[in-house]
Amino acid sequence: MDQTPWRILVNTQPLIGEETGVGNYARHITLALTARSDLFRTTFYHCYYSQSLPNAKSRMQRLLTWTKNKVKASPVLRSLGKKTLACLRTTHNALHKTVFDCYFEPNFILLPQIEARKNLLTVHDFSCLLYPEWHPKERVRYLEEHFPKSLERADHLIMVSETMRQEAVTRFGLALEKISVIPNGLDHQVFHPMDSESSERLLAPYKLPNAFILFAGTFEPRKNLSHLLAAYALLPKTLKNRFPLLLCGAEGWKNNDILEEIRRQAPFVRSLGYVPEAILCALYNRAAVMCYPSWYEGFGLPVVEAMACGCPVLASNNAALTETAGGCAKLADPADIQGISNALREVLEDEDWRKEHKALGLAHAAKYSWEQSAQAHISLISKLCAG
């Protein structure tokens, strides 16, 4: 007899608006779960319950994105929004009695209005609890209130690296057997080596130099852009003329000093802001090196994205990035500005190193795929539902 598909619920709110790391993860895993209609009957929650994924071109999606951005920008609206959501949840719970077999939460906090036999929570890092000074105060308050409760409520946890699992056990006292490590994946149809003609066509509107240093990530304190800019400023002018520094990523927070420093170091430093994935791939292909000096990461997806495009990588030597880079990147102490600058100079002046690490990076990045990651999620959710 065929197994009746399990009823699962996925919070797809991370897919609303500009897609960052968590949204990218949520999109790929959700699509894979949806494709397994033989195993799962999937419901999506994006501020309301739906049988359809968010569609960026739909009127409702545009309204949700606009509302989300307005609420995030205003403390008053955030407070009002929380009260409104609490009221809607109370009403919904009275009307919507579905108890799901599994609730999969890809974004740190298990929503209280969702009832399920099993709760599966993905934790991407612990930075908000360990380093609250890097985050907006409102986010810190929210996570401090709800994150520990979510960790306790979860029947099982997904961590994106072995480093994260060990941190969960040693620093937060979580049970080892409650945690599965499933590394992030990589979309090789998006991030891949590109011929120069194709990259030139995509990047033509940006009027970029032939070679440059690239940073890709949200403009936030955790990414350590202040030390990257200070390290770049120490490079000889001849190198800066040959290799300008380009920064791309979502706007982020607590970055006024960073934005001012970018303006001060112009024209050697330039911000492109948030760019689509196709443009990001072309940037990785054109860059002489991708520099990612982050203070702290749970995984560090830009490292393997760059490698998959044949771009050599200079990253910080924190534990998770060392794990993700797999011995195929130049590593530097994120606290050592002179050390970052010296490492940058070494890789820029050593073309043989760049060629060698282009090949090493391509081979290493091939080990990561969203297909593998999704299959591990499917197996885990199936096991939880059957338990």
Protein backbone atom coordinates (compact mmCIF):
# COMPACT_ATOMS: atom_id res chain seq x y z
CA MET A 1 0.00 0.00 0.00
CA ASP A 2 1.29 3.43 -0.92
CA GLN A 3 2.25 5.77 1.91
CA THR A 4 -0.07 8.76 2.24
CA PRO A 5 2.08 11.87 1.77
CA TRP A 6 3.08 13.52 5.01
CA ARG A 7 1.74 17.00 5.64
CA ILE A 8 4.62 19.41 6.05
CA LEU A 9 4.72 23.15 6.56
CA VAL A 10 7.62 25.36 5.40
CA ASN A 11 8.01 28.97 6.49
CA THR A 12 8.72 30.75 3.20
CA GLN A 13 8.84 34.31 4.56
CA PRO A 14 12.63 34.45 3.81
CA LEU A 15 11.67 34.35 0.11
CA ILE A 16 9.92 37.73 0.37
CA GLY A 17 12.04 40.68 -0.83
CA GLU A 18 15.72 40.73 -1.77
CA GLU A 19 17.13 37.24 -1.44
CA THR A 20 20.09 36.89 0.91
CA GLY A 21 21.80 33.76 2.24
CA VAL A 22 18.88 32.36 4.25
CA GLY A 23 16.45 33.09 1.42
CA ASN A 24 18.71 31.31 -1.07
CA TYR A 25 18.86 28.28 1.21
CA ALA A 26 15.11 28.31 1.85
CA ARG A 27 14.29 28.57 -1.86
CA HIS A 28 16.41 25.59 -2.95
CA ILE A 29 15.30 23.27 -0.15
CA THR A 30 11.64 24.24 -0.50
CA LEU A 31 11.67 23.59 -4.25
CA ALA A 32 13.17 20.15 -3.63
CA LEU A 33 10.55 19.29 -1.00
CA THR A 34 7.77 20.44 -3.34
CA ALA A 35 9.09 18.19 -6.10
CA ARG A 36 8.62 15.14 -3.84
CA SER A 37 4.82 15.08 -3.96
CA ASP A 38 5.05 11.30 -3.49
CA LEU A 39 6.39 11.90 0.04
CA PHE A 40 5.08 15.29 1.10
CA ARG A 41 1.98 17.44 0.81
CA THR A 42 3.62 20.81 1.33
CA THR A 43 1.98 23.96 2.66
CA PHE A 44 3.83 27.29 2.60
CA TYR A 45 3.58 30.07 5.13
CA HIS A 46 4.44 33.54 3.83
CA CYS A 47 2.41 35.69 6.24
CA TYR A 48 -0.56 33.54 5.20
CA TYR A 49 -1.01 29.87 4.38
CA SER A 50 -0.74 28.91 0.73
CA GLN A 51 -0.23 25.95 -1.56
CA SER A 52 1.92 28.12 -3.86
CA LEU A 53 5.42 29.47 -3.42
CA PRO A 54 5.89 33.26 -3.32
CA ASN A 55 6.03 34.70 -6.83
CA ALA A 56 8.16 37.84 -7.10
CA LYS A 57 6.06 39.11 -10.02
CA SER A 58 2.67 38.64 -8.39
CA ARG A 59 0.71 41.58 -6.99
CA MET A 60 0.55 39.93 -3.55
CA GLN A 61 4.33 39.33 -3.53
CA ARG A 62 5.04 42.96 -4.43
CA LEU A 63 2.67 44.12 -1.70
CA LEU A 64 4.31 41.84 0.88
CA THR A 65 7.79 43.01 -0.13
CA TRP A 66 6.76 46.67 0.08
CA THR A 67 5.10 46.10 3.47
CA LYS A 68 8.08 44.16 4.81
CA ASN A 69 10.52 46.93 3.84
CA LYS A 70 8.31 49.67 5.31
CA VAL A 71 7.83 47.81 8.59
CA LYS A 72 11.56 47.07 8.91
CA ALA A 73 12.38 50.75 8.39
CA SER A 74 10.08 52.08 11.12
CA PRO A 75 10.20 51.22 14.86
CA VAL A 76 6.58 52.38 15.21
CA LEU A 77 5.42 50.17 12.35
CA ARG A 78 7.42 47.23 13.70
CA SER A 79 5.63 47.55 17.05
CA LEU A 80 2.24 47.89 15.37
CA GLY A 81 3.05 45.00 13.05
CA LYS A 82 3.83 42.69 15.98
CA LYS A 83 0.50 43.52 17.64
CA THR A 84 -1.36 43.00 14.37
CA LEU A 85 0.37 39.64 13.78
CA ALA A 86 -0.47 38.51 17.32
CA CYS A 87 -4.13 39.33 16.68
CA LEU A 88 -4.08 37.54 13.31
CA ARG A 89 -2.43 34.48 14.87
CA THR A 90 -5.13 34.26 17.53
CA THR A 91 -7.83 34.47 14.84
CA HIS A 92 -6.02 31.99 12.62
CA ASN A 93 -5.57 29.43 15.39
CA ALA A 94 -9.29 29.52 15.98
CA LEU A 95 -10.04 28.90 12.29
CA HIS A 96 -7.10 26.79 11.07
CA LYS A 97 -6.94 23.49 12.94
CA THR A 98 -4.44 21.64 10.75
CA VAL A 99 -1.73 19.87 12.70
CA PHE A 100 1.16 19.14 10.34
CA ASP A 101 3.36 16.06 10.48
CA CYS A 102 6.46 18.27 10.31
CA TYR A 103 7.08 21.99 10.46
CA PHE A 104 10.36 22.93 8.77
CA GLU A 105 11.69 26.34 9.80
CA PRO A 106 14.68 27.48 7.70
CA ASN A 107 15.25 30.73 9.60
CA PHE A 108 16.12 30.43 13.33
CA ILE A 109 12.70 30.97 14.99
CA LEU A 110 9.85 28.45 15.20
CA LEU A 111 6.62 30.38 14.67
CA PRO A 112 4.26 29.89 17.63
CA GLN A 113 1.09 29.70 15.52
CA ILE A 114 2.13 26.54 13.68
CA GLU A 115 1.25 23.19 15.22
CA ALA A 116 3.09 20.06 14.16
CA ARG A 117 3.99 16.64 15.49
CA LYS A 118 7.66 17.34 14.76
CA ASN A 119 9.51 20.63 14.53
CA LEU A 120 12.71 20.87 12.47
CA LEU A 121 14.79 24.05 12.83
CA THR A 122 17.81 25.20 10.84
CA VAL A 123 20.37 27.31 12.70
CA HIS A 124 22.80 29.09 10.39
CA ASP A 125 24.96 30.63 13.14
CA PHE A 126 24.84 31.92 16.72
CA SER A 127 26.15 35.40 16.00
CA CYS A 128 23.12 37.26 17.36
CA LEU A 129 23.51 35.63 20.79
CA LEU A 130 27.31 35.59 20.89
CA TYR A 131 27.95 39.01 19.31
CA PRO A 132 24.80 41.13 19.75
CA GLU A 133 26.77 44.32 19.04
CA TRP A 134 26.92 43.33 15.36
CA HIS A 135 23.15 43.33 14.94
CA PRO A 136 20.24 45.80 15.09
CA LYS A 137 18.90 46.08 18.66
CA GLU A 138 15.39 45.11 17.60
CA ARG A 139 16.66 41.85 16.07
CA VAL A 140 18.74 41.07 19.14
CA ARG A 141 15.76 41.57 21.45
CA TYR A 142 13.58 39.38 19.26
CA LEU A 143 16.12 36.56 19.04
CA GLU A 144 17.01 36.72 22.73
CA GLU A 145 13.32 36.29 23.52
CA HIS A 146 12.44 33.61 20.96
CA PHE A 147 15.61 31.78 19.83
CA PRO A 148 16.30 29.84 23.08
CA LYS A 149 12.62 28.80 23.18
CA SER A 150 12.88 27.61 19.57
CA LEU A 151 16.01 25.57 20.33
CA GLU A 152 14.14 23.90 23.19
CA ARG A 153 10.94 23.35 21.20
CA ALA A 154 12.69 21.86 18.17
CA ASP A 155 12.63 18.08 17.92
CA HIS A 156 15.70 18.21 15.71
CA LEU A 157 18.19 20.83 14.54
CA ILE A 158 20.09 21.28 11.31
CA MET A 159 23.50 22.95 11.47
CA VAL A 160 25.26 24.02 8.28
CA SER A 161 28.78 22.98 9.37
CA GLU A 162 30.54 20.71 11.84
CA THR A 163 31.96 23.86 13.43
CA MET A 164 28.40 24.97 14.20
CA ARG A 165 27.48 21.60 15.70
CA GLN A 166 30.46 21.68 18.04
CA GLU A 167 29.62 25.25 19.02
CA ALA A 168 26.04 24.24 19.75
CA VAL A 169 27.23 21.46 22.06
CA THR A 170 30.11 23.21 23.83
CA ARG A 171 28.71 26.75 24.14
CA PHE A 172 24.97 26.13 24.35
CA GLY A 173 24.81 22.66 25.90
CA LEU A 174 22.68 21.15 23.14
CA ALA A 175 22.55 17.38 22.77
CA LEU A 176 24.79 16.07 20.00
CA GLU A 177 22.24 13.48 18.91
CA LYS A 178 19.64 16.22 18.39
CA ILE A 179 21.76 17.84 15.65
CA SER A 180 22.40 16.90 12.02
CA VAL A 181 25.05 18.63 9.92
CA ILE A 182 23.86 19.39 6.39
CA PRO A 183 26.19 21.79 4.56
CA ASN A 184 24.74 24.43 2.29
CA GLY A 185 24.60 23.60 -1.37
CA LEU A 186 25.62 25.38 -4.53
CA ASP A 187 23.67 25.96 -7.74
CA HIS A 188 26.19 25.06 -10.45
CA GLN A 189 23.82 26.26 -13.15
CA VAL A 190 24.14 29.74 -11.65
CA PHE A 191 27.74 29.73 -10.43
CA HIS A 192 30.15 28.33 -13.00
CA PRO A 193 33.12 29.34 -15.18
CA MET A 194 32.01 31.77 -17.86
CA ASP A 195 33.66 32.72 -21.13
CA SER A 196 34.99 36.26 -21.25
CA GLU A 197 32.51 37.35 -23.92
CA SER A 198 29.52 36.37 -21.76
CA SER A 199 30.86 38.03 -18.62
CA GLU A 200 31.76 41.14 -20.61
CA ARG A 201 28.21 41.39 -21.94
CA LEU A 202 26.64 41.05 -18.49
CA LEU A 203 29.00 43.52 -16.83
CA ALA A 204 29.09 46.12 -19.63
CA PRO A 205 26.49 48.40 -17.96
CA TYR A 206 28.68 48.63 -14.84
CA LYS A 207 31.75 49.92 -16.74
CA LEU A 208 34.20 47.87 -14.68
CA PRO A 209 37.99 47.55 -14.99
CA ASN A 210 39.55 44.42 -16.46
CA ALA A 211 40.63 43.10 -13.04
CA PHE A 212 39.58 43.82 -9.47
CA ILE A 213 39.29 42.51 -5.93
CA LEU A 214 35.72 41.49 -5.03
CA PHE A 215 33.82 41.34 -1.78
CA ALA A 216 30.33 39.76 -1.86
CA GLY A 217 28.08 39.89 1.20
CA THR A 218 25.72 42.02 3.24
CA PHE A 219 27.13 45.34 4.42
CA GLU A 220 27.02 44.60 8.15
CA PRO A 221 29.59 44.62 10.99
CA ARG A 222 30.06 40.84 11.05
CA LYS A 223 31.53 40.89 7.53
CA ASN A 224 34.48 42.97 8.75
CA LEU A 225 34.43 45.45 5.87
CA SER A 226 36.13 48.06 8.04
CA HIS A 227 39.29 45.92 8.25
CA LEU A 228 39.11 45.00 4.57
CA LEU A 229 38.98 48.69 3.62
CA ALA A 230 41.80 49.53 6.02
CA ALA A 231 43.90 46.66 4.64
CA TYR A 232 43.23 47.72 1.07
CA ALA A 233 44.27 51.29 1.90
CA LEU A 234 47.73 49.96 2.88
CA LEU A 235 48.38 48.49 -0.57
CA PRO A 236 50.79 50.32 -2.88
CA LYS A 237 49.06 52.71 -5.25
CA THR A 238 50.39 50.73 -8.21
CA LEU A 239 48.45 47.67 -7.05
CA LYS A 240 45.32 49.70 -6.33
CA ASN A 241 45.48 51.10 -9.84
CA ARG A 242 45.63 47.57 -11.25
CA PHE A 243 43.13 46.04 -8.83
CA PRO A 244 40.32 48.32 -7.57
CA LEU A 245 38.15 46.95 -4.76
CA LEU A 246 34.50 46.28 -5.67
CA LEU A 247 31.90 45.58 -2.99
CA CYS A 248 28.50 44.05 -3.73
CA GLY A 249 25.69 42.99 -1.46
CA ALA A 250 22.50 43.94 0.33
CA GLU A 251 22.46 47.26 2.20
CA GLY A 252 22.59 45.74 5.70
CA TRP A 253 22.86 47.78 8.91
CA LYS A 254 25.26 49.65 11.21
CA ASN A 255 27.35 50.58 8.19
CA ASN A 256 27.47 54.40 8.06
CA ASP A 257 31.22 54.41 8.77
CA ILE A 258 31.74 51.80 6.05
CA LEU A 259 29.80 53.80 3.48
CA GLU A 260 31.77 56.93 4.37
CA GLU A 261 35.07 55.05 4.01
CA ILE A 262 34.00 53.72 0.61
CA ARG A 263 33.36 57.31 -0.50
CA ARG A 264 36.70 58.43 0.95
CA GLN A 265 38.68 55.78 -0.94
CA ALA A 266 36.98 56.40 -4.28
CA PRO A 267 37.79 55.83 -7.11
CA PHE A 268 39.86 52.85 -5.93
CA VAL A 269 36.87 51.47 -3.97
CA ARG A 270 33.36 51.18 -5.39
CA SER A 271 30.07 49.75 -4.13
CA LEU A 272 27.73 48.08 -6.60
CA GLY A 273 25.00 47.40 -4.04
CA TYR A 274 22.81 44.32 -4.34
CA VAL A 275 23.26 42.49 -7.67
CA PRO A 276 21.33 39.56 -9.23
CA GLU A 277 22.94 36.11 -9.21
CA ALA A 278 23.83 36.24 -12.92
CA ILE A 279 25.78 39.46 -12.38
CA LEU A 280 27.41 38.03 -9.26
CA CYS A 281 28.59 35.01 -11.26
CA ALA A 282 30.11 37.32 -13.89
CA LEU A 283 31.84 39.33 -11.13
CA TYR A 284 33.33 36.17 -9.62
CA ASN A 285 34.57 35.17 -13.08
CA ARG A 286 36.23 38.53 -13.69
CA ALA A 287 37.71 39.09 -10.20
CA ALA A 288 41.39 38.46 -9.52
CA VAL A 289 40.46 37.36 -6.00
CA MET A 290 37.39 37.29 -3.77
CA CYS A 291 38.17 38.61 -0.31
CA TYR A 292 35.92 37.49 2.55
CA PRO A 293 37.45 38.57 5.89
CA SER A 294 34.33 37.91 8.01
CA TRP A 295 34.64 37.82 11.78
CA TYR A 296 32.25 34.92 12.15
CA GLU A 297 30.30 32.58 9.85
CA GLY A 298 28.27 29.43 10.20
CA PHE A 299 29.25 28.36 6.68
CA GLY A 300 30.28 31.18 4.31
CA LEU A 301 28.52 30.43 1.01
CA PRO A 302 30.27 33.18 -1.03
CA VAL A 303 33.54 31.27 -0.57
CA VAL A 304 32.32 28.23 -2.53
CA GLU A 305 30.30 30.38 -4.96
CA ALA A 306 33.52 32.17 -5.93
CA MET A 307 35.47 28.92 -6.18
CA ALA A 308 32.80 27.43 -8.46
CA CYS A 309 33.41 30.32 -10.86
CA GLY A 310 37.18 29.81 -10.86
CA CYS A 311 37.87 32.78 -8.58
CA PRO A 312 40.70 32.42 -6.03
CA VAL A 313 39.65 33.20 -2.45
CA LEU A 314 41.21 35.03 0.49
CA ALA A 315 39.14 34.39 3.62
CA SER A 316 39.47 34.84 7.35
CA ASN A 317 40.81 31.95 9.38
CA ASN A 318 37.82 31.51 11.67
CA ALA A 319 36.78 27.90 12.18
CA ALA A 320 33.73 27.65 9.90
CA LEU A 321 35.39 29.40 6.96
CA THR A 322 38.46 27.19 7.35
CA GLU A 323 36.13 24.18 7.19
CA THR A 324 34.21 25.49 4.18
CA ALA A 325 37.35 26.52 2.26
CA GLY A 326 38.79 23.02 2.65
CA GLY A 327 42.44 24.05 2.32
CA CYS A 328 41.80 25.74 -1.05
CA ALA A 329 41.97 29.40 -0.01
CA LYS A 330 44.46 31.87 1.42
CA LEU A 331 43.56 32.50 5.08
CA ALA A 332 44.25 35.55 7.24
CA ASP A 333 43.46 36.67 10.78
CA PRO A 334 40.41 38.97 10.54
CA ALA A 335 41.75 41.07 13.44
CA ASP A 336 45.11 41.71 11.74
CA ILE A 337 44.72 44.57 9.24
CA GLN A 338 48.35 44.43 8.19
CA GLY A 339 48.11 40.66 7.83
CA ILE A 340 45.08 40.95 5.55
CA SER A 341 46.89 43.58 3.50
CA ASN A 342 50.01 41.42 3.23
CA ALA A 343 47.92 38.41 2.16
CA LEU A 344 46.13 40.52 -0.45
CA ARG A 345 49.42 41.76 -1.83
CA GLU A 346 50.81 38.23 -2.00
CA VAL A 347 47.90 36.82 -3.99
CA LEU A 348 47.69 39.82 -6.30
CA GLU A 349 51.40 39.69 -7.12
CA ASP A 350 51.53 35.89 -7.50
CA GLU A 351 49.75 34.88 -10.70
CA ASP A 352 50.93 31.27 -10.33
CA TRP A 353 49.21 31.06 -6.92
CA ARG A 354 46.00 32.39 -8.42
CA LYS A 355 46.11 29.85 -11.27
CA GLU A 356 46.80 26.99 -8.85
CA HIS A 357 43.99 28.00 -6.50
CA LYS A 358 41.58 28.54 -9.34
CA ALA A 359 41.95 24.83 -10.15
CA LEU A 360 41.88 23.77 -6.49
CA GLY A 361 38.78 25.86 -5.85
CA LEU A 362 36.90 24.49 -8.84
CA ALA A 363 37.52 20.91 -7.68
CA HIS A 364 36.52 21.74 -4.11
CA ALA A 365 33.33 23.60 -5.05
CA ALA A 366 32.22 20.62 -7.15
CA LYS A 367 31.66 18.74 -3.86
CA TYR A 368 28.79 21.06 -2.94
CA SER A 369 25.36 20.93 -4.55
CA TRP A 370 21.82 21.84 -3.57
CA GLU A 371 20.75 18.43 -4.84
CA GLN A 372 22.87 16.69 -2.20
CA SER A 373 21.80 19.12 0.50
CA ALA A 374 18.13 18.76 -0.43
CA GLN A 375 18.31 14.96 -0.43
CA ALA A 376 19.74 15.05 3.10
CA HIS A 377 16.84 17.32 4.16
CA ILE A 378 14.29 15.01 2.51
CA SER A 379 15.75 11.96 4.27
CA LEU A 380 15.78 13.72 7.64
CA ILE A 381 12.21 15.05 7.33
CA SER A 382 10.98 11.61 6.23
CA LYS A 383 12.65 10.04 9.27
CA LEU A 384 11.10 12.62 11.60
CA CYS A 385 7.62 12.16 10.11
CA ALA A 386 7.86 8.38 10.39
CA GLY A 387 9.01 8.56 14.03
